[in-house]
Amino acid sequence: MRKNQTSLTAAGIAIARAVESEKPIDERICYDPYARQFVPDWMFRFMGFFIKSGYAELRGPGVNGFLVARERFMDEVLQRFLDEGLQQLVILGAGYDSRGYRFDMAGRLKIFEVDHPVTQAAKVKRARRIFKNLPEHITYVPIDFNTQILSERLLSYGYNPHLFSLFIWQGVTMYLTLAGVETTLDFIVKNSSTGSAVVFDYLYVSVLEGIQKQNEISNMRRYRFLTGEGLTFGIPQGGADAFLHARGFSQVKDMTTEDLKTAYFTGKNADRKVASGYGIVVGKV
């Protein structure tokens, strides 16, 4: 991401959620009533048109299917942990994530939204417009990963390493280095209670290296000059379990796009595609 530019990727993902949320209840995969309000109206109309017209699907078959399924799966992970007594939620690279607003968590736990200062400032401005007052249970943690350390930022903002915590890391790891991913995972293992967990999505190495062709990945690389976000990290297909176990996690659950298709794309959605080359993994401390 460019230093003084909000994340175009975060806006695009919010628009995908917003378009999906406009569908009838028996057709939508995920639901986010606030997504549209977090992006400028002109941007929603412009980018939303490409999704609704089917052009986005032609450019990247199944990518939108993966984005909405990812949202649904991570929502379900969060709800499961809430049911188990979650005490603390950390959303890494929060972008325009609205879980802190649309889940019933006020007064139940503390939420930390961690993101680049420019994108976070734009989100906070929008949140004030939507909700009038910022929710007291959400703490916004701005961080410049080039000059600041996650552990220092979180701890200085009141993160409690002794609480039952969940880290949601959505749409981020593919833009980091291996060292950056490992540093974050190491922090989670060493600074959260037993039973805490992380859930994140990732690219397969075969897609990252171009062995497995994926149109959307080619498009992202082509337009990197606009987004400032390059693809740098992946995990071998079928290797997420070993990857997380080697870094101190257990009870690992790795969801493939085939798993997501089976779980969510039934009935009227049975013919929708879900792009291959991605995975979503949950690991417990």
Protein backbone atom coordinates (compact mmCIF):
# COMPACT_ATOMS: atom_id res chain seq x y z
CA MET A 1 0.00 0.00 0.00
CA ARG A 2 1.23 3.47 -0.81
CA LYS A 3 2.19 5.61 2.19
CA ASN A 4 -0.57 8.23 1.89
CA GLN A 5 -3.21 6.19 0.07
CA THR A 6 -6.15 4.31 1.54
CA SER A 7 -6.38 0.65 0.58
CA LEU A 8 -8.17 0.17 -2.75
CA THR A 9 -8.21 -3.55 -2.04
CA ALA A 10 -10.11 -3.00 1.22
CA ALA A 11 -12.65 -0.84 -0.61
CA GLY A 12 -13.10 -3.45 -3.32
CA ILE A 13 -13.74 -6.20 -0.78
CA ALA A 14 -16.29 -4.02 1.03
CA ILE A 15 -18.07 -3.45 -2.27
CA ALA A 16 -18.19 -7.20 -2.94
CA ARG A 17 -19.84 -7.67 0.48
CA ALA A 18 -22.24 -4.82 -0.19
CA VAL A 19 -23.38 -6.24 -3.52
CA GLU A 20 -23.87 -9.68 -1.99
CA SER A 21 -25.83 -8.17 0.91
CA GLU A 22 -28.36 -6.61 -1.47
CA LYS A 23 -29.47 -10.05 -2.66
CA PRO A 24 -32.55 -11.82 -1.23
CA ILE A 25 -31.85 -13.79 1.93
CA ASP A 26 -32.07 -17.13 0.13
CA GLU A 27 -29.50 -16.06 -2.47
CA ARG A 28 -26.80 -14.26 -0.51
CA ILE A 29 -23.79 -16.04 0.93
CA CYS A 30 -22.85 -13.35 3.45
CA TYR A 31 -24.56 -10.31 4.90
CA ASP A 32 -23.01 -6.99 5.88
CA PRO A 33 -25.52 -4.14 6.26
CA TYR A 34 -22.76 -1.55 6.73
CA ALA A 35 -20.39 -2.42 3.87
CA ARG A 36 -21.87 0.03 1.37
CA GLN A 37 -21.70 2.89 3.85
CA PHE A 38 -17.95 2.45 4.34
CA VAL A 39 -17.11 3.27 0.70
CA PRO A 40 -17.88 6.37 -1.37
CA ASP A 41 -21.14 6.14 -3.28
CA TRP A 42 -19.47 6.76 -6.64
CA MET A 43 -17.06 3.93 -6.02
CA PHE A 44 -19.85 1.54 -5.05
CA ARG A 45 -21.84 2.42 -8.17
CA PHE A 46 -18.79 2.09 -10.42
CA MET A 47 -17.27 -1.11 -9.04
CA GLY A 48 -20.64 -2.58 -8.06
CA PHE A 49 -21.73 -2.34 -11.69
CA PHE A 50 -18.88 -4.59 -12.77
CA ILE A 51 -19.92 -7.23 -10.25
CA LYS A 52 -23.65 -7.03 -10.98
CA SER A 53 -23.13 -7.02 -14.76
CA GLY A 54 -21.09 -10.22 -14.62
CA TYR A 55 -17.98 -8.53 -16.03
CA ALA A 56 -16.00 -9.11 -12.82
CA GLU A 57 -16.83 -12.82 -13.05
CA LEU A 58 -15.54 -12.94 -16.61
CA ARG A 59 -12.31 -11.24 -15.55
CA GLY A 60 -11.80 -13.46 -12.50
CA PRO A 61 -14.08 -16.50 -12.49
CA GLY A 62 -15.02 -17.50 -8.95
CA VAL A 63 -13.08 -14.75 -7.18
CA ASN A 64 -16.20 -12.99 -5.94
CA GLY A 65 -17.49 -16.38 -4.81
CA PHE A 66 -14.36 -16.86 -2.72
CA LEU A 67 -14.58 -13.37 -1.20
CA VAL A 68 -18.16 -13.79 0.02
CA ALA A 69 -17.54 -17.36 1.20
CA ARG A 70 -14.47 -16.19 3.11
CA GLU A 71 -16.58 -13.56 4.84
CA ARG A 72 -19.22 -16.16 5.75
CA PHE A 73 -16.70 -18.68 7.05
CA MET A 74 -14.86 -16.15 9.22
CA ASP A 75 -18.18 -14.86 10.53
CA GLU A 76 -19.04 -18.39 11.60
CA VAL A 77 -15.64 -18.84 13.25
CA LEU A 78 -16.18 -15.63 15.20
CA GLN A 79 -19.67 -16.65 16.27
CA ARG A 80 -18.41 -20.03 17.45
CA PHE A 81 -15.74 -18.40 19.60
CA LEU A 82 -18.26 -15.91 20.98
CA ASP A 83 -20.45 -18.85 21.98
CA GLU A 84 -17.42 -20.33 23.76
CA GLY A 85 -16.84 -17.17 25.83
CA LEU A 86 -14.40 -15.15 23.72
CA GLN A 87 -12.87 -12.28 25.74
CA GLN A 88 -10.82 -10.38 23.18
CA LEU A 89 -10.92 -9.94 19.39
CA VAL A 90 -8.09 -8.60 17.24
CA ILE A 91 -8.76 -7.78 13.60
CA LEU A 92 -5.44 -7.46 11.77
CA GLY A 93 -5.45 -5.35 8.62
CA ALA A 94 -9.03 -4.42 9.46
CA GLY A 95 -9.73 -2.31 6.38
CA TYR A 96 -13.50 -1.77 6.25
CA ASP A 97 -14.32 -4.86 8.30
CA SER A 98 -17.64 -4.31 10.11
CA ARG A 99 -17.72 -7.26 12.48
CA GLY A 100 -17.18 -4.99 15.47
CA TYR A 101 -20.41 -3.21 14.59
CA ARG A 102 -22.69 -5.96 13.29
CA PHE A 103 -21.98 -8.63 15.92
CA ASP A 104 -23.42 -8.26 19.41
CA MET A 105 -20.16 -7.70 21.30
CA ALA A 106 -20.61 -4.37 23.11
CA GLY A 107 -19.96 -4.89 26.82
CA ARG A 108 -18.89 -8.50 26.25
CA LEU A 109 -15.32 -8.12 25.06
CA LYS A 110 -12.68 -5.73 23.82
CA ILE A 111 -12.00 -5.39 20.10
CA PHE A 112 -8.78 -4.12 18.56
CA GLU A 113 -8.77 -3.04 14.91
CA VAL A 114 -5.21 -2.88 13.61
CA ASP A 115 -4.50 -1.17 10.29
CA HIS A 116 -2.43 1.28 8.29
CA PRO A 117 -2.98 4.81 9.66
CA VAL A 118 -4.36 6.29 6.41
CA THR A 119 -6.90 3.55 5.78
CA GLN A 120 -7.87 3.49 9.44
CA ALA A 121 -8.40 7.26 9.52
CA ALA A 122 -10.74 7.00 6.53
CA LYS A 123 -12.64 4.17 8.23
CA VAL A 124 -12.97 6.04 11.52
CA LYS A 125 -14.32 9.08 9.65
CA ARG A 126 -16.94 6.88 7.99
CA ALA A 127 -17.78 5.11 11.25
CA ARG A 128 -18.45 8.46 12.94
CA ARG A 129 -20.78 9.38 10.09
CA ILE A 130 -22.64 6.06 10.28
CA PHE A 131 -22.88 5.60 14.05
CA LYS A 132 -22.48 9.21 15.28
CA ASN A 133 -20.28 8.02 18.14
CA LEU A 134 -17.50 5.46 17.88
CA PRO A 135 -18.29 2.24 19.79
CA GLU A 136 -16.54 2.20 23.15
CA HIS A 137 -15.67 -1.50 22.87
CA ILE A 138 -13.52 -0.93 19.76
CA THR A 139 -9.94 0.30 20.03
CA TYR A 140 -8.32 1.52 16.81
CA VAL A 141 -4.62 0.70 16.62
CA PRO A 142 -2.82 2.48 13.76
CA ILE A 143 0.41 0.84 12.68
CA ASP A 144 3.02 1.44 10.02
CA PHE A 145 4.51 -2.01 9.54
CA ASN A 146 7.61 -0.48 7.98
CA THR A 147 8.58 1.35 11.17
CA GLN A 148 6.50 -0.07 14.05
CA ILE A 149 6.19 -3.46 15.73
CA LEU A 150 2.80 -5.18 16.16
CA SER A 151 3.50 -6.46 19.66
CA GLU A 152 4.50 -3.03 20.93
CA ARG A 153 1.50 -1.32 19.35
CA LEU A 154 -1.10 -3.81 20.60
CA LEU A 155 0.27 -3.99 24.12
CA SER A 156 0.53 -0.20 24.36
CA TYR A 157 -3.14 0.11 23.38
CA GLY A 158 -4.32 -2.25 26.12
CA TYR A 159 -4.24 -5.72 24.60
CA ASN A 160 -4.27 -8.32 27.39
CA PRO A 161 -2.10 -11.38 26.62
CA HIS A 162 -3.85 -13.45 29.31
CA LEU A 163 -7.34 -13.42 27.78
CA PHE A 164 -9.12 -15.92 25.51
CA SER A 165 -8.57 -14.23 22.16
CA LEU A 166 -9.31 -14.60 18.46
CA PHE A 167 -7.23 -13.00 15.71
CA ILE A 168 -8.98 -12.45 12.37
CA TRP A 169 -6.46 -11.87 9.60
CA GLN A 170 -8.45 -11.49 6.40
CA GLY A 171 -7.00 -10.68 3.00
CA VAL A 172 -3.57 -9.76 4.35
CA THR A 173 -0.99 -12.56 4.44
CA MET A 174 -0.47 -12.71 0.68
CA TYR A 175 0.95 -9.18 0.78
CA LEU A 176 3.49 -9.94 3.53
CA THR A 177 6.87 -11.62 3.64
CA LEU A 178 7.36 -15.01 5.27
CA ALA A 179 9.20 -13.25 8.11
CA GLY A 180 6.27 -10.86 8.58
CA VAL A 181 3.77 -13.72 8.77
CA GLU A 182 5.97 -15.67 11.20
CA THR A 183 6.47 -12.65 13.47
CA THR A 184 2.71 -12.18 13.79
CA LEU A 185 2.05 -15.86 14.43
CA ASP A 186 4.82 -15.93 17.02
CA PHE A 187 3.22 -12.97 18.82
CA ILE A 188 -0.15 -14.76 18.91
CA VAL A 189 1.32 -17.98 20.30
CA LYS A 190 3.29 -16.18 23.00
CA ASN A 191 0.69 -13.55 23.91
CA SER A 192 -2.71 -15.22 24.13
CA SER A 193 -4.22 -17.79 26.47
CA THR A 194 -4.61 -21.50 25.74
CA GLY A 195 -7.51 -22.07 23.36
CA SER A 196 -7.06 -18.72 21.62
CA ALA A 197 -6.86 -18.88 17.84
CA VAL A 198 -6.05 -17.23 14.55
CA VAL A 199 -8.03 -17.52 11.31
CA PHE A 200 -6.53 -16.29 8.05
CA ASP A 201 -6.71 -16.83 4.32
CA TYR A 202 -3.74 -17.42 2.08
CA LEU A 203 -2.61 -18.13 -1.47
CA TYR A 204 -1.20 -21.41 -2.66
CA VAL A 205 2.47 -21.20 -3.61
CA SER A 206 1.59 -22.71 -7.00
CA VAL A 207 -0.60 -19.67 -7.75
CA LEU A 208 1.94 -17.22 -6.37
CA GLU A 209 4.65 -18.69 -8.60
CA GLY A 210 2.42 -18.85 -11.68
CA ILE A 211 2.41 -22.65 -11.91
CA GLN A 212 -1.36 -22.66 -11.34
CA LYS A 213 -2.87 -19.89 -13.46
CA GLN A 214 -5.40 -17.59 -11.80
CA ASN A 215 -6.78 -14.63 -13.75
CA GLU A 216 -7.38 -12.43 -10.73
CA ILE A 217 -3.80 -12.84 -9.52
CA SER A 218 -2.53 -11.76 -12.94
CA ASN A 219 -4.85 -8.74 -12.82
CA MET A 220 -3.66 -7.79 -9.33
CA ARG A 221 -0.06 -7.85 -10.50
CA ARG A 222 -0.93 -5.85 -13.59
CA TYR A 223 -2.55 -3.09 -11.53
CA ARG A 224 -0.07 -3.07 -8.68
CA PHE A 225 0.98 0.45 -9.71
CA LEU A 226 -2.50 1.60 -8.61
CA THR A 227 -2.82 -0.33 -5.36
CA GLY A 228 0.82 -0.41 -4.24
CA GLU A 229 0.13 -3.95 -2.95
CA GLY A 230 2.31 -6.78 -4.25
CA LEU A 231 1.81 -10.52 -3.72
CA THR A 232 4.68 -12.08 -1.79
CA PHE A 233 3.53 -14.94 0.49
CA GLY A 234 1.96 -18.34 -0.02
CA ILE A 235 1.66 -21.79 1.54
CA PRO A 236 1.90 -25.01 -0.48
CA GLN A 237 -1.47 -26.61 -1.20
CA GLY A 238 -2.22 -29.02 1.64
CA GLY A 239 0.62 -27.58 3.74
CA ALA A 240 -1.23 -25.22 6.10
CA ASP A 241 -1.55 -27.85 8.83
CA ALA A 242 2.20 -28.48 8.94
CA PHE A 243 2.94 -24.77 8.58
CA LEU A 244 0.93 -23.83 11.67
CA HIS A 245 1.95 -26.85 13.75
CA ALA A 246 5.60 -25.95 13.16
CA ARG A 247 4.86 -22.50 14.58
CA GLY A 248 3.19 -23.63 17.79
CA PHE A 249 -0.47 -24.06 16.82
CA SER A 250 -2.70 -27.12 17.16
CA GLN A 251 -6.20 -28.30 16.18
CA VAL A 252 -5.66 -26.85 12.71
CA LYS A 253 -8.58 -26.72 10.28
CA ASP A 254 -7.75 -25.98 6.65
CA MET A 255 -10.64 -25.05 4.36
CA THR A 256 -10.17 -25.41 0.61
CA THR A 257 -12.31 -23.64 -1.96
CA GLU A 258 -13.93 -27.00 -2.64
CA ASP A 259 -14.91 -27.16 1.04
CA LEU A 260 -16.38 -23.64 0.82
CA LYS A 261 -18.30 -24.54 -2.31
CA THR A 262 -19.81 -27.60 -0.63
CA ALA A 263 -20.65 -25.73 2.57
CA TYR A 264 -22.31 -22.63 1.16
CA PHE A 265 -23.13 -22.86 -2.54
CA THR A 266 -26.32 -24.86 -2.64
CA GLY A 267 -29.81 -24.26 -3.98
CA LYS A 268 -29.92 -21.09 -6.09
CA ASN A 269 -26.16 -20.68 -5.67
CA ALA A 270 -25.22 -24.18 -6.79
CA ASP A 271 -23.90 -22.96 -10.16
CA ARG A 272 -21.73 -20.17 -8.77
CA LYS A 273 -17.99 -20.66 -9.05
CA VAL A 274 -15.45 -20.40 -6.25
CA ALA A 275 -11.93 -19.69 -7.51
CA SER A 276 -9.25 -22.23 -6.68
CA GLY A 277 -5.79 -21.38 -5.41
CA TYR A 278 -6.88 -20.04 -2.01
CA GLY A 279 -7.24 -21.56 1.44
CA ILE A 280 -8.53 -20.46 4.84
CA VAL A 281 -7.02 -21.91 7.99
CA VAL A 282 -7.86 -21.84 11.70
CA GLY A 283 -5.25 -22.75 14.29
CA LYS A 284 -5.51 -22.81 18.09
CA VAL A 285 -2.90 -21.87 20.67
